[in-house]
Amino acid sequence: MANYMNVFVRAEVPLDEFVRQLENLLGLQFERFDTESGVIYEARTPEGFYQVYDDHWLDNDPDLGLNFEDYNYEISFLVSSKFEPEEGDRVREDVGRRIFERLKATGKYPLMYTYDVYQKLDEYTPPIAKG
């Protein structure tokens, strides 16, 4: 059983600025890590482990309708191992939906919400602003 959920985001701001906005939306504190493969921000809560990546290296999968290349940031969430499987599924779904809906409510970002990367659950495209 996979316990990952992912929200892919297209943001036109630098990663550090996006993470600050995400911290405010979710009430989390992320810690920055510079790795050989790029920058990762991480946060831990009793529910589980959050990560925000600046590059996900995923190619589009047209057969599954997954256009990863449209998104420059990935937020992943891994449920804590302290939960029994059914409760872990509920926590994962609740956290994933909360992240997606709070970002969607800003009206700023195109989003794709997935379970275990390759199962699309939802997506959002902000309305085009009229000048």
Protein backbone atom coordinates (compact mmCIF):
# COMPACT_ATOMS: atom_id res chain seq x y z
CA MET A 1 0.00 0.00 0.00
CA ALA A 2 1.41 3.35 -1.04
CA ASN A 3 0.93 6.20 1.34
CA TYR A 4 2.11 9.04 -0.87
CA MET A 5 0.04 11.84 -2.27
CA ASN A 6 1.39 14.52 -4.54
CA VAL A 7 0.30 17.96 -5.63
CA PHE A 8 2.07 19.31 -8.70
CA VAL A 9 2.11 23.10 -9.00
CA ARG A 10 2.95 25.62 -11.71
CA ALA A 11 4.19 28.71 -9.89
CA GLU A 12 5.84 31.72 -11.50
CA VAL A 13 7.71 32.63 -8.32
CA PRO A 14 11.04 31.27 -7.02
CA LEU A 15 10.81 28.13 -4.91
CA ASP A 16 11.71 29.86 -1.64
CA GLU A 17 8.91 32.40 -2.14
CA PHE A 18 6.44 29.65 -3.04
CA VAL A 19 7.40 27.70 0.10
CA ARG A 20 6.83 30.79 2.26
CA GLN A 21 3.33 31.10 0.77
CA LEU A 22 2.75 27.39 1.37
CA GLU A 23 3.85 27.73 5.00
CA ASN A 24 1.24 30.45 5.51
CA LEU A 25 -1.50 28.44 3.78
CA LEU A 26 -0.81 25.22 5.67
CA GLY A 27 0.53 26.52 8.99
CA LEU A 28 3.79 24.56 8.58
CA GLN A 29 7.48 25.36 8.95
CA PHE A 30 9.65 23.93 6.18
CA GLU A 31 13.39 23.39 6.47
CA ARG A 32 15.58 23.85 3.38
CA PHE A 33 18.06 21.21 2.24
CA ASP A 34 20.49 21.66 -0.66
CA THR A 35 21.17 18.26 -2.20
CA GLU A 36 23.12 17.03 -5.23
CA SER A 37 19.85 16.74 -7.11
CA GLY A 38 18.45 20.15 -6.12
CA VAL A 39 16.70 21.99 -3.34
CA ILE A 40 14.21 20.18 -1.12
CA TYR A 41 12.08 21.70 1.63
CA GLU A 42 10.82 19.36 4.36
CA ALA A 43 8.35 19.56 7.22
CA ARG A 44 7.29 16.91 9.74
CA THR A 45 4.01 16.76 11.63
CA PRO A 46 2.29 14.03 13.66
CA GLU A 47 0.37 13.22 10.44
CA GLY A 48 3.49 12.59 8.38
CA PHE A 49 6.26 14.01 6.26
CA TYR A 50 5.96 16.80 3.68
CA GLN A 51 8.47 17.60 0.94
CA VAL A 52 8.56 20.33 -1.69
CA TYR A 53 10.85 19.85 -4.69
CA ASP A 54 12.07 22.36 -7.23
CA ASP A 55 12.31 19.71 -9.97
CA HIS A 56 10.46 16.42 -10.14
CA TRP A 57 12.12 14.98 -13.30
CA LEU A 58 8.91 13.28 -14.39
CA ASP A 59 7.95 13.03 -18.05
CA ASN A 60 4.41 13.37 -19.32
CA ASP A 61 2.36 10.17 -19.50
CA PRO A 62 -0.29 10.77 -22.18
CA ASP A 63 -1.81 7.31 -21.67
CA LEU A 64 -2.72 8.28 -18.11
CA GLY A 65 -3.46 11.93 -18.88
CA LEU A 66 -0.61 13.11 -16.65
CA ASN A 67 1.15 16.24 -17.90
CA PHE A 68 3.95 16.46 -15.33
CA GLU A 69 5.99 18.79 -17.52
CA ASP A 70 3.33 21.50 -17.07
CA TYR A 71 4.33 21.83 -13.40
CA ASN A 72 7.60 23.07 -11.95
CA TYR A 73 7.08 22.18 -8.27
CA GLU A 74 5.96 19.04 -6.49
CA ILE A 75 4.57 18.75 -2.97
CA SER A 76 4.59 15.21 -1.61
CA PHE A 77 3.17 13.89 1.61
CA LEU A 78 4.01 10.55 3.23
CA VAL A 79 1.72 9.33 6.01
CA SER A 80 3.33 8.51 9.35
CA SER A 81 3.91 4.78 9.92
CA LYS A 82 2.16 5.08 13.31
CA PHE A 83 -1.25 4.82 11.60
CA GLU A 84 -3.06 1.59 10.84
CA PRO A 85 -3.65 1.15 7.08
CA GLU A 86 -7.26 2.37 6.96
CA GLU A 87 -6.56 5.37 9.16
CA GLY A 88 -3.40 6.11 7.13
CA ASP A 89 -5.48 6.14 3.94
CA ARG A 90 -7.89 8.63 5.50
CA VAL A 91 -5.07 10.87 6.76
CA ARG A 92 -3.35 10.79 3.35
CA GLU A 93 -6.58 11.70 1.57
CA ASP A 94 -7.41 14.46 4.07
CA VAL A 95 -3.96 16.04 3.88
CA GLY A 96 -3.78 15.78 0.10
CA ARG A 97 -7.20 17.33 -0.36
CA ARG A 98 -6.39 20.08 2.16
CA ILE A 99 -3.19 21.04 0.30
CA PHE A 100 -4.94 20.98 -3.06
CA GLU A 101 -7.98 22.98 -1.92
CA ARG A 102 -5.97 25.64 -0.08
CA LEU A 103 -3.75 26.21 -3.11
CA LYS A 104 -6.79 26.18 -5.39
CA ALA A 105 -8.54 28.78 -3.21
CA THR A 106 -5.75 31.28 -3.97
CA GLY A 107 -6.72 31.15 -7.65
CA LYS A 108 -3.03 31.58 -8.53
CA TYR A 109 -1.71 28.17 -9.51
CA PRO A 110 -2.44 25.43 -12.03
CA LEU A 111 -2.52 22.21 -9.97
CA MET A 112 -2.61 18.44 -10.40
CA TYR A 113 -3.38 16.21 -7.40
CA THR A 114 -2.28 12.57 -7.57
CA TYR A 115 -2.16 9.45 -5.45
CA ASP A 116 1.19 7.62 -5.57
CA VAL A 117 2.20 9.90 -8.49
CA TYR A 118 0.46 8.04 -11.32
CA GLN A 119 -3.23 8.14 -10.32
CA LYS A 120 -4.71 11.57 -11.03
CA LEU A 121 -7.36 12.57 -8.49
CA ASP A 122 -8.02 16.18 -9.48
CA GLU A 123 -6.65 19.14 -11.32
CA TYR A 124 -7.26 22.87 -11.43
CA THR A 125 -6.56 25.65 -13.91
CA PRO A 126 -7.07 29.20 -12.62
CA PRO A 127 -9.43 31.40 -14.63
CA ILE A 128 -7.71 33.78 -17.01
CA ALA A 129 -7.70 37.30 -15.60
CA LYS A 130 -9.52 39.84 -17.72
CA GLY A 131 -7.72 43.13 -18.15
